[in-house]
Protein backbone atom coordinates (compact mmCIF):
# COMPACT_ATOMS: atom_id res chain seq x y z
CA UNK A 1 -20.47 10.62 109.32
CA UNK A 2 -22.92 13.28 108.22
CA UNK A 3 -25.56 10.85 106.99
CA UNK A 4 -28.65 12.58 105.63
CA UNK A 5 -30.90 9.55 106.16
CA UNK A 6 -32.84 11.32 108.93
CA UNK A 7 -33.66 14.43 106.90
CA UNK A 8 -34.05 12.95 103.42
CA UNK A 9 -37.84 12.86 103.77
CA UNK A 10 -37.84 16.64 104.36
CA UNK A 11 -35.40 17.90 101.77
CA UNK A 12 -35.85 15.39 98.94
CA UNK A 13 -39.32 16.73 97.98
CA UNK A 14 -37.78 20.22 97.74
CA UNK A 15 -34.86 19.03 95.63
CA UNK A 16 -37.01 17.00 93.24
CA UNK A 17 -40.02 19.34 93.16
CA UNK A 18 -39.57 20.47 89.53
CA UNK A 19 -37.62 17.50 88.21
CA UNK A 20 -38.26 16.87 84.53
CA UNK A 21 -38.67 13.51 82.82
CA UNK A 22 -35.27 11.81 82.34
CA UNK A 23 -33.47 14.70 84.10
CA UNK A 24 -30.24 13.56 85.74
CA UNK A 25 -29.77 13.67 89.50
CA UNK A 26 -26.12 14.09 90.50
CA UNK A 27 -24.46 13.79 93.91
CA UNK A 28 -20.78 14.82 94.02
CA UNK A 29 -20.52 13.81 97.72
CA UNK A 30 -22.51 10.58 97.66
CA UNK A 31 -21.10 9.22 100.93
CA UNK A 32 -23.27 6.35 102.18
CA UNK A 33 -25.84 6.95 99.39
CA UNK A 34 -28.60 7.71 101.89
CA UNK A 35 -30.02 10.37 99.59
CA UNK A 36 -29.45 8.95 96.12
CA UNK A 37 -31.06 5.65 97.10
CA UNK A 38 -34.34 7.53 97.50
CA UNK A 39 -34.25 8.84 93.95
CA UNK A 40 -35.32 6.99 90.82
CA UNK A 41 -34.35 7.43 87.19
CA UNK A 42 -31.03 8.77 85.90
CA UNK A 43 -28.52 9.05 88.74
CA UNK A 44 -24.81 9.71 89.16
CA UNK A 45 -23.01 9.41 92.49
CA UNK A 46 -19.43 10.52 92.99
CA UNK A 47 -17.05 10.61 95.92
CA UNK A 48 -13.32 11.20 96.39
CA UNK A 49 -13.13 8.41 98.99
CA UNK A 50 -12.22 5.18 97.21
CA UNK A 51 -13.44 3.07 100.13
CA UNK A 52 -16.87 4.70 100.13
CA UNK A 53 -17.26 4.05 96.41
CA UNK A 54 -15.87 0.53 96.79
CA UNK A 55 -18.31 -0.29 99.59
CA UNK A 56 -21.25 1.08 97.60
CA UNK A 57 -20.32 -0.98 94.56
CA UNK A 58 -20.13 -4.05 96.78
CA UNK A 59 -23.51 -3.34 98.35
CA UNK A 60 -24.99 -2.64 94.93
CA UNK A 61 -23.66 -5.72 93.12
CA UNK A 62 -22.78 -8.36 95.74
CA UNK A 63 -24.62 -7.72 99.03
CA UNK A 64 -24.86 -11.46 99.79
CA UNK A 65 -21.06 -11.64 100.04
CA UNK A 66 -21.12 -9.48 103.18
CA UNK A 67 -20.97 -10.99 106.71
CA UNK A 68 -24.53 -11.71 107.82
CA UNK A 69 -24.05 -11.58 111.61
CA UNK A 70 -21.46 -11.83 114.38
CA UNK A 71 -21.02 -15.56 113.79
CA UNK A 72 -19.37 -14.73 110.46
CA UNK A 73 -16.98 -12.01 111.60
CA UNK A 74 -15.62 -10.40 114.77
CA UNK A 75 -13.47 -7.61 116.17
CA UNK A 76 -10.24 -9.48 115.45
CA UNK A 77 -11.07 -9.70 111.75
CA UNK A 78 -12.28 -6.09 111.82
CA UNK A 79 -8.81 -4.96 112.94
CA UNK A 80 -7.17 -7.07 110.25
CA UNK A 81 -9.30 -5.38 107.61
CA UNK A 82 -7.42 -2.13 108.20
CA UNK A 83 -4.58 -3.60 106.13
CA UNK A 84 -6.77 -5.28 103.54
CA UNK A 85 -6.21 -4.64 99.83
CA UNK A 86 -9.85 -5.43 99.09
CA UNK A 87 -11.16 -1.88 98.65
CA UNK A 88 -14.86 -2.73 98.73
CA UNK A 89 -14.77 -5.02 101.76
CA UNK A 90 -12.37 -2.76 103.63
CA UNK A 91 -14.70 0.15 102.93
CA UNK A 92 -17.67 -1.79 104.27
CA UNK A 93 -15.86 -2.77 107.45
CA UNK A 94 -14.34 0.68 107.91
CA UNK A 95 -17.68 2.47 107.71
CA UNK A 96 -20.61 0.08 108.26
CA UNK A 97 -19.01 -1.96 111.05
CA UNK A 98 -17.40 0.93 112.93
CA UNK A 99 -18.96 2.70 115.88
CA UNK A 100 -20.94 5.72 114.67
CA UNK A 101 -19.85 5.08 111.09
CA UNK A 102 -16.50 6.75 111.81
CA UNK A 103 -13.72 5.29 109.66
CA UNK A 104 -12.24 2.42 111.69
CA UNK A 105 -13.20 4.33 114.82
CA UNK A 106 -13.75 1.14 116.82
CA UNK A 107 -15.68 -2.10 116.50
CA UNK A 108 -19.45 -1.53 116.52
CA UNK A 109 -20.93 -2.52 119.88
CA UNK A 110 -23.17 -1.20 122.61
CA UNK A 111 -22.37 -1.03 126.33
CA UNK A 112 -23.94 -4.44 126.98
CA UNK A 113 -22.46 -5.97 123.83
CA UNK A 114 -25.83 -7.59 123.11
CA UNK A 115 -26.80 -5.89 119.85
CA UNK A 116 -25.63 -7.58 116.68
CA UNK A 117 -24.56 -4.58 114.61
CA UNK A 118 -23.15 -6.87 111.94
CA UNK A 119 -26.62 -8.31 111.34
CA UNK A 120 -28.16 -4.83 111.39
CA UNK A 121 -25.65 -3.56 108.82
CA UNK A 122 -26.23 -6.60 106.64
CA UNK A 123 -29.99 -6.07 106.67
CA UNK A 124 -29.48 -2.43 105.76
CA UNK A 125 -27.19 -3.41 102.87
CA UNK A 126 -29.69 -5.96 101.57
CA UNK A 127 -32.45 -3.37 101.76
CA UNK A 128 -30.37 -0.66 100.08
CA UNK A 129 -28.89 -2.81 97.32
CA UNK A 130 -31.88 -2.84 94.91
CA UNK A 131 -32.28 0.92 95.37
CA UNK A 132 -28.75 1.43 94.01
CA UNK A 133 -29.34 -0.50 90.81
CA UNK A 134 -28.85 1.82 87.87
CA UNK A 135 -26.73 4.35 89.76
CA UNK A 136 -23.44 5.23 88.07
CA UNK A 137 -20.80 5.51 90.80
CA UNK A 138 -17.56 7.36 90.12
CA UNK A 139 -14.40 7.83 92.17
CA UNK A 140 -13.68 11.52 91.65
CA UNK A 141 -13.38 14.95 93.19
CA UNK A 142 -16.61 16.95 93.24
CA UNK A 143 -15.25 19.37 90.65
CA UNK A 144 -14.48 16.49 88.26
CA UNK A 145 -17.85 14.76 88.35
CA UNK A 146 -19.70 14.43 85.07
CA UNK A 147 -22.89 16.52 85.04
CA UNK A 148 -25.18 16.09 82.03
CA UNK A 149 -26.88 19.29 80.83
CA UNK A 150 -29.66 20.65 83.03
CA UNK A 151 -28.92 18.32 85.96
CA UNK A 152 -30.18 18.48 89.53
CA UNK A 153 -27.09 18.56 91.75
CA UNK A 154 -27.29 17.85 95.48
CA UNK A 155 -24.17 18.56 97.52
CA UNK A 156 -23.42 17.37 101.04
CA UNK A 157 -19.85 18.66 101.47
CA UNK A 158 -17.71 18.54 104.62
CA UNK A 159 -19.27 21.17 106.83
CA UNK A 160 -17.26 24.24 107.71
CA UNK A 161 -16.41 24.35 111.45
CA UNK A 162 -17.62 20.77 111.90
CA UNK A 163 -15.81 17.50 112.66
CA UNK A 164 -12.59 17.37 110.66
CA UNK A 165 -12.56 14.93 107.78
CA UNK A 166 -9.40 13.33 106.41
CA UNK A 167 -7.53 15.89 104.33
CA UNK A 168 -8.48 19.51 103.75
CA UNK A 169 -11.43 21.06 101.99
CA UNK A 170 -11.43 24.48 100.33
CA UNK A 171 -14.85 25.92 101.06
CA UNK A 172 -14.28 29.10 99.04
CA UNK A 173 -13.53 27.08 95.89
CA UNK A 174 -16.52 24.83 96.54
CA UNK A 175 -19.03 27.68 96.71
CA UNK A 176 -17.59 29.22 93.54
CA UNK A 177 -17.99 25.85 91.83
CA UNK A 178 -21.65 25.85 92.90
CA UNK A 179 -22.10 29.30 91.36
CA UNK A 180 -20.53 28.10 88.12
CA UNK A 181 -22.93 25.13 87.98
CA UNK A 182 -25.93 27.42 88.52
CA UNK A 183 -24.71 29.72 85.74
CA UNK A 184 -24.37 26.66 83.51
CA UNK A 185 -28.07 25.94 83.94
CA UNK A 186 -28.03 23.26 86.63
CA UNK A 187 -30.24 23.25 89.73
CA UNK A 188 -27.92 23.11 92.74
CA UNK A 189 -28.89 22.32 96.34
CA UNK A 190 -26.40 22.34 99.22
CA UNK A 191 -26.66 20.98 102.75
CA UNK A 192 -24.64 23.02 105.27
CA UNK A 193 -24.92 24.92 108.50
CA UNK A 194 -23.85 28.22 106.94
CA UNK A 195 -23.43 29.62 103.44
CA UNK A 196 -22.23 32.78 101.65
CA UNK A 197 -24.69 35.67 101.46
CA UNK A 198 -25.72 34.99 97.87
CA UNK A 199 -27.08 31.58 98.87
CA UNK A 200 -30.47 31.42 100.56
CA UNK A 201 -31.82 28.88 103.03
CA UNK A 202 -34.96 27.10 101.78
CA UNK A 203 -35.28 24.61 104.65
CA UNK A 204 -33.89 24.19 108.18
CA UNK A 205 -34.31 21.87 111.15
CA UNK A 206 -32.50 21.33 114.44
CA UNK A 207 -30.90 17.89 114.51
CA UNK A 208 -29.20 15.96 117.32
CA UNK A 209 -25.97 14.22 116.37
CA UNK A 210 -23.17 12.31 118.08
CA UNK A 211 -19.95 10.89 116.65
CA UNK A 212 -18.23 9.28 119.63
CA UNK A 213 -19.03 7.61 122.93
CA UNK A 214 -17.50 10.55 124.79
CA UNK A 215 -18.92 13.64 123.09
CA UNK A 216 -22.56 12.94 123.87
CA UNK A 217 -25.40 14.44 121.88
CA UNK A 218 -24.79 17.63 119.92
CA UNK A 219 -27.33 19.92 118.30
CA UNK A 220 -26.95 21.66 114.99
CA UNK A 221 -29.34 23.35 112.59
CA UNK A 222 -29.29 21.52 109.29
CA UNK A 223 -30.03 23.83 106.38
CA UNK A 224 -30.60 23.44 102.66
CA UNK A 225 -29.34 26.28 100.46
CA UNK A 226 -29.81 27.39 96.87
CA UNK A 227 -28.30 30.32 95.01
CA UNK A 228 -30.52 33.41 95.13
CA UNK A 229 -30.89 33.49 91.33
CA UNK A 230 -32.14 29.91 91.38
CA UNK A 231 -34.72 30.83 94.01
CA UNK A 232 -36.05 33.60 91.77
CA UNK A 233 -36.38 31.19 88.86
CA UNK A 234 -38.20 28.65 91.04
CA UNK A 235 -40.70 31.31 92.14
CA UNK A 236 -41.32 32.22 88.50
CA UNK A 237 -41.94 28.54 87.66
CA UNK A 238 -44.48 28.22 90.49
CA UNK A 239 -46.22 31.42 89.35
């Protein structure tokens, strides 16, 4: 859920505009790695979901071990994977082979059951794998992620007032953490629908999204925020 693949081409140039040589790029909410796989150089990706990190490690290091099409796996095995102790493979099945990418939200299929989503996911994994080489993945809370000095930090946290993710998320603490990182000298960018008043929107676009077969298409305005002090510094750099 919440993949930024569709908007990466818009916001990545903004995020990386003033990136320095060898500067670290850090994602505390790496998710499906649909942003970090479009960045080169020094990269750190963290997530508190062990299955997301496990699946990414599997895609990164052993993509050929994944089922290649529906002749190699099926819905019966998909259901069995819910109890699997193999973190990486369970993560792959739970996300990549579930309808809409929702954690074990139902076997991936269309109404006619003609599309081979297993093959599509496999091709995506094979394509993404080389782009993840060199990324350091860590299982950790966003506040615990290692951030080298003067890093670029991109955050894609659970959105406030959006679809509920497993567990709870303290948005007040998150925004304060972002302020602390800015004060420490990092460049911080946040994807959200809304933000506190001291954060300014530097990009926005209306996006259609849908998570289930029943909800239909939903519209939301994706926005990219930075702290107002960071925006002032960026203007000075451009000048």
